[in-house]
Amino acid sequence: MSGHLQPIQLDSYKPLRELVCENIRQAIIDGTFSPGERLMEIQLADEMGVSRTPVREAIRKLEQEGFVVMIPRRGTYVADISIKDITEIYEIRISLDILAAGLA
């Protein structure tokens, strides 16, 4: 699993957990992480040059979005999702982001 992710650039306006989440999500979408592949917090944190806390927060968010599956006492695995699923997730996220921006 070494070398899958880009180091996080800390000069962004976004919260660190969001940058980590986007980085892992993109790696899943790109196929860098295969469906069923186990994701280890420590290795992900080391690759991105961050602590485990934002990685843990990102994994929780990715689980809510359906990108990963957390199995108690077994670990976190990339979900078996299709391109159609990814497209639908992004369409929903875009709509929610527009709505959130309008309400802000």
N, C-alpha and C. Protein backbone atom coordinates (compact mmCIF):
# COMPACT_ATOMS: atom_id res chain seq x y z
N MET A 1 0.82 -1.19 0.00
CA MET A 1 0.00 0.00 0.00
C MET A 1 0.87 1.25 0.00
N SER A 2 2.15 1.12 -0.01
CA SER A 2 3.05 2.26 0.08
C SER A 2 3.01 3.11 -1.19
N GLY A 3 2.96 4.43 -1.00
CA GLY A 3 3.05 5.35 -2.12
C GLY A 3 1.77 5.58 -2.88
N HIS A 4 0.61 5.20 -2.34
CA HIS A 4 -0.65 5.39 -3.04
C HIS A 4 -1.15 6.83 -3.00
N LEU A 5 -0.85 7.55 -1.93
CA LEU A 5 -1.44 8.86 -1.71
C LEU A 5 -0.42 9.97 -1.78
N GLN A 6 -0.91 11.15 -2.15
CA GLN A 6 -0.07 12.34 -2.18
C GLN A 6 0.00 12.94 -0.78
N PRO A 7 1.16 13.50 -0.41
CA PRO A 7 1.23 14.22 0.87
C PRO A 7 0.24 15.39 0.87
N ILE A 8 -0.31 15.68 2.01
CA ILE A 8 -1.28 16.76 2.15
C ILE A 8 -0.55 18.10 2.18
N GLN A 9 -1.04 19.06 1.39
CA GLN A 9 -0.51 20.42 1.41
C GLN A 9 -1.26 21.20 2.48
N LEU A 10 -0.54 21.67 3.47
CA LEU A 10 -1.17 22.32 4.61
C LEU A 10 -1.47 23.79 4.40
N ASP A 11 -1.33 24.30 3.19
CA ASP A 11 -1.59 25.71 2.94
C ASP A 11 -3.01 25.95 2.41
N SER A 12 -3.86 24.97 2.50
CA SER A 12 -5.23 25.09 2.00
C SER A 12 -6.13 25.72 3.06
N TYR A 13 -7.24 26.30 2.60
CA TYR A 13 -8.22 26.89 3.51
C TYR A 13 -9.14 25.83 4.09
N LYS A 14 -9.13 24.63 3.53
CA LYS A 14 -10.03 23.57 3.99
C LYS A 14 -9.49 22.92 5.25
N PRO A 15 -10.40 22.38 6.09
CA PRO A 15 -9.93 21.64 7.27
C PRO A 15 -9.12 20.42 6.84
N LEU A 16 -8.16 20.05 7.67
CA LEU A 16 -7.27 18.93 7.36
C LEU A 16 -8.05 17.65 7.12
N ARG A 17 -9.08 17.39 7.94
CA ARG A 17 -9.85 16.16 7.77
C ARG A 17 -10.51 16.11 6.39
N GLU A 18 -10.92 17.28 5.87
CA GLU A 18 -11.55 17.33 4.55
C GLU A 18 -10.51 17.05 3.45
N LEU A 19 -9.32 17.60 3.60
CA LEU A 19 -8.26 17.34 2.62
C LEU A 19 -7.90 15.86 2.59
N VAL A 20 -7.81 15.26 3.77
CA VAL A 20 -7.49 13.83 3.87
C VAL A 20 -8.61 13.01 3.24
N CYS A 21 -9.85 13.38 3.53
CA CYS A 21 -11.01 12.67 2.98
C CYS A 21 -11.00 12.74 1.45
N GLU A 22 -10.77 13.93 0.92
CA GLU A 22 -10.74 14.10 -0.54
C GLU A 22 -9.63 13.27 -1.17
N ASN A 23 -8.48 13.22 -0.51
CA ASN A 23 -7.34 12.47 -1.03
C ASN A 23 -7.65 10.97 -1.09
N ILE A 24 -8.21 10.44 -0.01
CA ILE A 24 -8.54 9.01 0.02
C ILE A 24 -9.68 8.71 -0.95
N ARG A 25 -10.71 9.58 -0.97
CA ARG A 25 -11.85 9.38 -1.88
C ARG A 25 -11.37 9.32 -3.33
N GLN A 26 -10.49 10.26 -3.70
CA GLN A 26 -9.98 10.30 -5.08
C GLN A 26 -9.19 9.05 -5.41
N ALA A 27 -8.42 8.55 -4.44
CA ALA A 27 -7.65 7.32 -4.66
C ALA A 27 -8.57 6.12 -4.88
N ILE A 28 -9.72 6.12 -4.19
CA ILE A 28 -10.70 5.04 -4.39
C ILE A 28 -11.33 5.17 -5.78
N ILE A 29 -11.72 6.39 -6.14
CA ILE A 29 -12.35 6.62 -7.44
C ILE A 29 -11.39 6.29 -8.58
N ASP A 30 -10.13 6.67 -8.43
CA ASP A 30 -9.12 6.42 -9.47
C ASP A 30 -8.74 4.95 -9.59
N GLY A 31 -9.13 4.16 -8.60
CA GLY A 31 -8.76 2.75 -8.62
C GLY A 31 -7.41 2.48 -7.98
N THR A 32 -6.82 3.51 -7.35
CA THR A 32 -5.56 3.32 -6.65
C THR A 32 -5.75 2.30 -5.53
N PHE A 33 -6.88 2.40 -4.84
CA PHE A 33 -7.28 1.40 -3.86
C PHE A 33 -8.35 0.53 -4.50
N SER A 34 -8.16 -0.75 -4.49
CA SER A 34 -9.09 -1.68 -5.11
C SER A 34 -10.25 -2.01 -4.19
N PRO A 35 -11.42 -2.34 -4.76
CA PRO A 35 -12.53 -2.81 -3.91
C PRO A 35 -12.09 -3.99 -3.07
N GLY A 36 -12.42 -3.93 -1.80
CA GLY A 36 -12.05 -5.00 -0.89
C GLY A 36 -10.68 -4.83 -0.25
N GLU A 37 -9.91 -3.84 -0.70
CA GLU A 37 -8.57 -3.61 -0.14
C GLU A 37 -8.70 -3.03 1.27
N ARG A 38 -7.86 -3.51 2.16
CA ARG A 38 -7.89 -3.03 3.54
C ARG A 38 -7.13 -1.71 3.63
N LEU A 39 -7.71 -0.75 4.35
CA LEU A 39 -7.08 0.55 4.58
C LEU A 39 -6.61 0.62 6.02
N MET A 40 -5.33 0.87 6.21
CA MET A 40 -4.74 0.94 7.54
C MET A 40 -4.50 2.41 7.89
N GLU A 41 -5.08 2.86 9.01
CA GLU A 41 -4.96 4.25 9.43
C GLU A 41 -3.51 4.72 9.51
N ILE A 42 -2.66 3.92 10.13
CA ILE A 42 -1.27 4.32 10.34
C ILE A 42 -0.55 4.52 9.01
N GLN A 43 -0.74 3.60 8.07
CA GLN A 43 -0.08 3.71 6.77
C GLN A 43 -0.62 4.90 5.98
N LEU A 44 -1.93 5.11 6.02
CA LEU A 44 -2.51 6.26 5.32
C LEU A 44 -1.96 7.56 5.89
N ALA A 45 -1.91 7.65 7.22
CA ALA A 45 -1.39 8.85 7.88
C ALA A 45 0.07 9.10 7.50
N ASP A 46 0.87 8.05 7.50
CA ASP A 46 2.29 8.18 7.15
C ASP A 46 2.46 8.65 5.71
N GLU A 47 1.69 8.08 4.79
CA GLU A 47 1.80 8.46 3.38
C GLU A 47 1.44 9.91 3.15
N MET A 48 0.44 10.40 3.88
CA MET A 48 -0.02 11.78 3.68
C MET A 48 0.70 12.77 4.59
N GLY A 49 1.48 12.27 5.53
CA GLY A 49 2.22 13.16 6.42
C GLY A 49 1.34 13.85 7.45
N VAL A 50 0.30 13.15 7.91
CA VAL A 50 -0.62 13.71 8.91
C VAL A 50 -0.74 12.73 10.08
N SER A 51 -1.41 13.17 11.14
CA SER A 51 -1.64 12.28 12.27
C SER A 51 -2.81 11.35 11.97
N ARG A 52 -3.04 10.40 12.85
CA ARG A 52 -4.12 9.44 12.62
C ARG A 52 -5.51 10.05 12.82
N THR A 53 -5.61 11.13 13.60
CA THR A 53 -6.92 11.72 13.89
C THR A 53 -7.67 12.16 12.64
N PRO A 54 -7.08 12.97 11.75
CA PRO A 54 -7.83 13.35 10.54
C PRO A 54 -8.12 12.16 9.63
N VAL A 55 -7.24 11.16 9.65
CA VAL A 55 -7.48 9.94 8.85
C VAL A 55 -8.70 9.22 9.40
N ARG A 56 -8.77 9.09 10.71
CA ARG A 56 -9.91 8.42 11.36
C ARG A 56 -11.21 9.17 11.04
N GLU A 57 -11.18 10.50 11.13
CA GLU A 57 -12.36 11.31 10.81
C GLU A 57 -12.75 11.15 9.34
N ALA A 58 -11.76 11.12 8.46
CA ALA A 58 -12.03 10.96 7.03
C ALA A 58 -12.65 9.59 6.74
N ILE A 59 -12.14 8.56 7.40
CA ILE A 59 -12.68 7.21 7.18
C ILE A 59 -14.14 7.14 7.62
N ARG A 60 -14.46 7.79 8.73
CA ARG A 60 -15.87 7.81 9.17
C ARG A 60 -16.76 8.47 8.13
N LYS A 61 -16.29 9.59 7.58
CA LYS A 61 -17.06 10.30 6.56
C LYS A 61 -17.19 9.44 5.30
N LEU A 62 -16.11 8.80 4.89
CA LEU A 62 -16.15 7.95 3.70
C LEU A 62 -17.06 6.75 3.91
N GLU A 63 -17.17 6.28 5.14
CA GLU A 63 -18.11 5.19 5.42
C GLU A 63 -19.54 5.69 5.24
N GLN A 64 -19.83 6.88 5.73
CA GLN A 64 -21.17 7.45 5.56
C GLN A 64 -21.50 7.65 4.08
N GLU A 65 -20.50 7.99 3.29
CA GLU A 65 -20.70 8.20 1.85
C GLU A 65 -20.74 6.90 1.06
N GLY A 66 -20.38 5.78 1.71
CA GLY A 66 -20.44 4.49 1.04
C GLY A 66 -19.17 4.08 0.32
N PHE A 67 -18.07 4.83 0.52
CA PHE A 67 -16.82 4.50 -0.15
C PHE A 67 -16.04 3.40 0.57
N VAL A 68 -16.20 3.32 1.89
CA VAL A 68 -15.51 2.29 2.66
C VAL A 68 -16.51 1.59 3.58
N VAL A 69 -16.12 0.41 4.02
CA VAL A 69 -16.92 -0.37 4.96
C VAL A 69 -16.05 -0.67 6.16
N MET A 70 -16.57 -0.36 7.34
CA MET A 70 -15.84 -0.66 8.58
C MET A 70 -16.45 -1.92 9.18
N ILE A 71 -15.61 -2.92 9.38
CA ILE A 71 -16.05 -4.19 9.96
C ILE A 71 -15.45 -4.29 11.36
N PRO A 72 -16.31 -4.35 12.39
CA PRO A 72 -15.80 -4.40 13.77
C PRO A 72 -14.78 -5.52 13.95
N ARG A 73 -13.69 -5.18 14.63
CA ARG A 73 -12.60 -6.10 14.95
C ARG A 73 -11.90 -6.67 13.72
N ARG A 74 -12.19 -6.16 12.55
CA ARG A 74 -11.52 -6.65 11.32
C ARG A 74 -10.80 -5.52 10.60
N GLY A 75 -11.37 -4.31 10.60
CA GLY A 75 -10.73 -3.19 9.94
C GLY A 75 -11.62 -2.48 8.95
N THR A 76 -11.00 -1.62 8.18
CA THR A 76 -11.70 -0.81 7.19
C THR A 76 -11.30 -1.29 5.80
N TYR A 77 -12.30 -1.45 4.93
CA TYR A 77 -12.07 -1.95 3.58
C TYR A 77 -12.75 -1.05 2.56
N VAL A 78 -12.15 -0.96 1.38
CA VAL A 78 -12.76 -0.20 0.29
C VAL A 78 -14.04 -0.94 -0.12
N ALA A 79 -15.13 -0.19 -0.23
CA ALA A 79 -16.41 -0.77 -0.61
C ALA A 79 -16.38 -1.20 -2.08
N ASP A 80 -17.18 -2.16 -2.40
CA ASP A 80 -17.30 -2.64 -3.78
C ASP A 80 -18.37 -1.78 -4.45
N ILE A 81 -17.93 -0.67 -5.07
CA ILE A 81 -18.87 0.26 -5.69
C ILE A 81 -18.59 0.36 -7.19
N SER A 82 -19.61 0.71 -7.92
CA SER A 82 -19.48 0.81 -9.37
C SER A 82 -19.33 2.28 -9.78
N ILE A 83 -18.98 2.50 -11.03
CA ILE A 83 -18.88 3.86 -11.57
C ILE A 83 -20.24 4.55 -11.47
N LYS A 84 -21.31 3.80 -11.72
CA LYS A 84 -22.66 4.37 -11.61
C LYS A 84 -22.92 4.87 -10.18
N ASP A 85 -22.51 4.07 -9.20
CA ASP A 85 -22.68 4.48 -7.80
C ASP A 85 -21.91 5.76 -7.52
N ILE A 86 -20.68 5.83 -8.01
CA ILE A 86 -19.84 7.01 -7.78
C ILE A 86 -20.48 8.24 -8.42
N THR A 87 -20.98 8.10 -9.63
CA THR A 87 -21.62 9.22 -10.32
C THR A 87 -22.83 9.70 -9.52
N GLU A 88 -23.64 8.78 -9.03
CA GLU A 88 -24.81 9.16 -8.25
C GLU A 88 -24.42 9.86 -6.96
N ILE A 89 -23.36 9.37 -6.31
CA ILE A 89 -22.89 10.00 -5.07
C ILE A 89 -22.46 11.43 -5.35
N TYR A 90 -21.72 11.65 -6.43
CA TYR A 90 -21.28 13.00 -6.75
C TYR A 90 -22.44 13.92 -7.11
N GLU A 91 -23.43 13.42 -7.82
CA GLU A 91 -24.59 14.23 -8.16
C GLU A 91 -25.32 14.68 -6.90
N ILE A 92 -25.45 13.78 -5.95
CA ILE A 92 -26.10 14.11 -4.68
C ILE A 92 -25.26 15.12 -3.91
N ARG A 93 -23.94 14.89 -3.85
CA ARG A 93 -23.06 15.81 -3.12
C ARG A 93 -23.09 17.21 -3.71
N ILE A 94 -23.10 17.31 -5.04
CA ILE A 94 -23.15 18.62 -5.69
C ILE A 94 -24.43 19.34 -5.30
N SER A 95 -25.55 18.62 -5.34
CA SER A 95 -26.83 19.22 -4.96
C SER A 95 -26.82 19.69 -3.51
N LEU A 96 -26.26 18.86 -2.63
CA LEU A 96 -26.20 19.22 -1.21
C LEU A 96 -25.26 20.40 -0.98
N ASP A 97 -24.14 20.43 -1.68
CA ASP A 97 -23.20 21.55 -1.54
C ASP A 97 -23.84 22.86 -2.00
N ILE A 98 -24.57 22.82 -3.09
CA ILE A 98 -25.26 24.02 -3.59
C ILE A 98 -26.30 24.48 -2.57
N LEU A 99 -27.06 23.54 -2.05
CA LEU A 99 -28.06 23.87 -1.03
C LEU A 99 -27.41 24.46 0.22
N ALA A 100 -26.32 23.85 0.68
CA ALA A 100 -25.62 24.33 1.87
C ALA A 100 -25.07 25.73 1.65
N ALA A 101 -24.51 25.97 0.46
CA ALA A 101 -23.97 27.30 0.15
C ALA A 101 -25.09 28.34 0.14
N GLY A 102 -26.23 27.96 -0.39
CA GLY A 102 -27.36 28.87 -0.42
C GLY A 102 -27.90 29.20 0.97
N LEU A 103 -27.82 28.23 1.87
CA LEU A 103 -28.31 28.45 3.23
C LEU A 103 -27.30 29.19 4.09
N ALA A 104 -26.04 29.16 3.69
CA ALA A 104 -24.97 29.78 4.51
C ALA A 104 -24.99 31.29 4.50
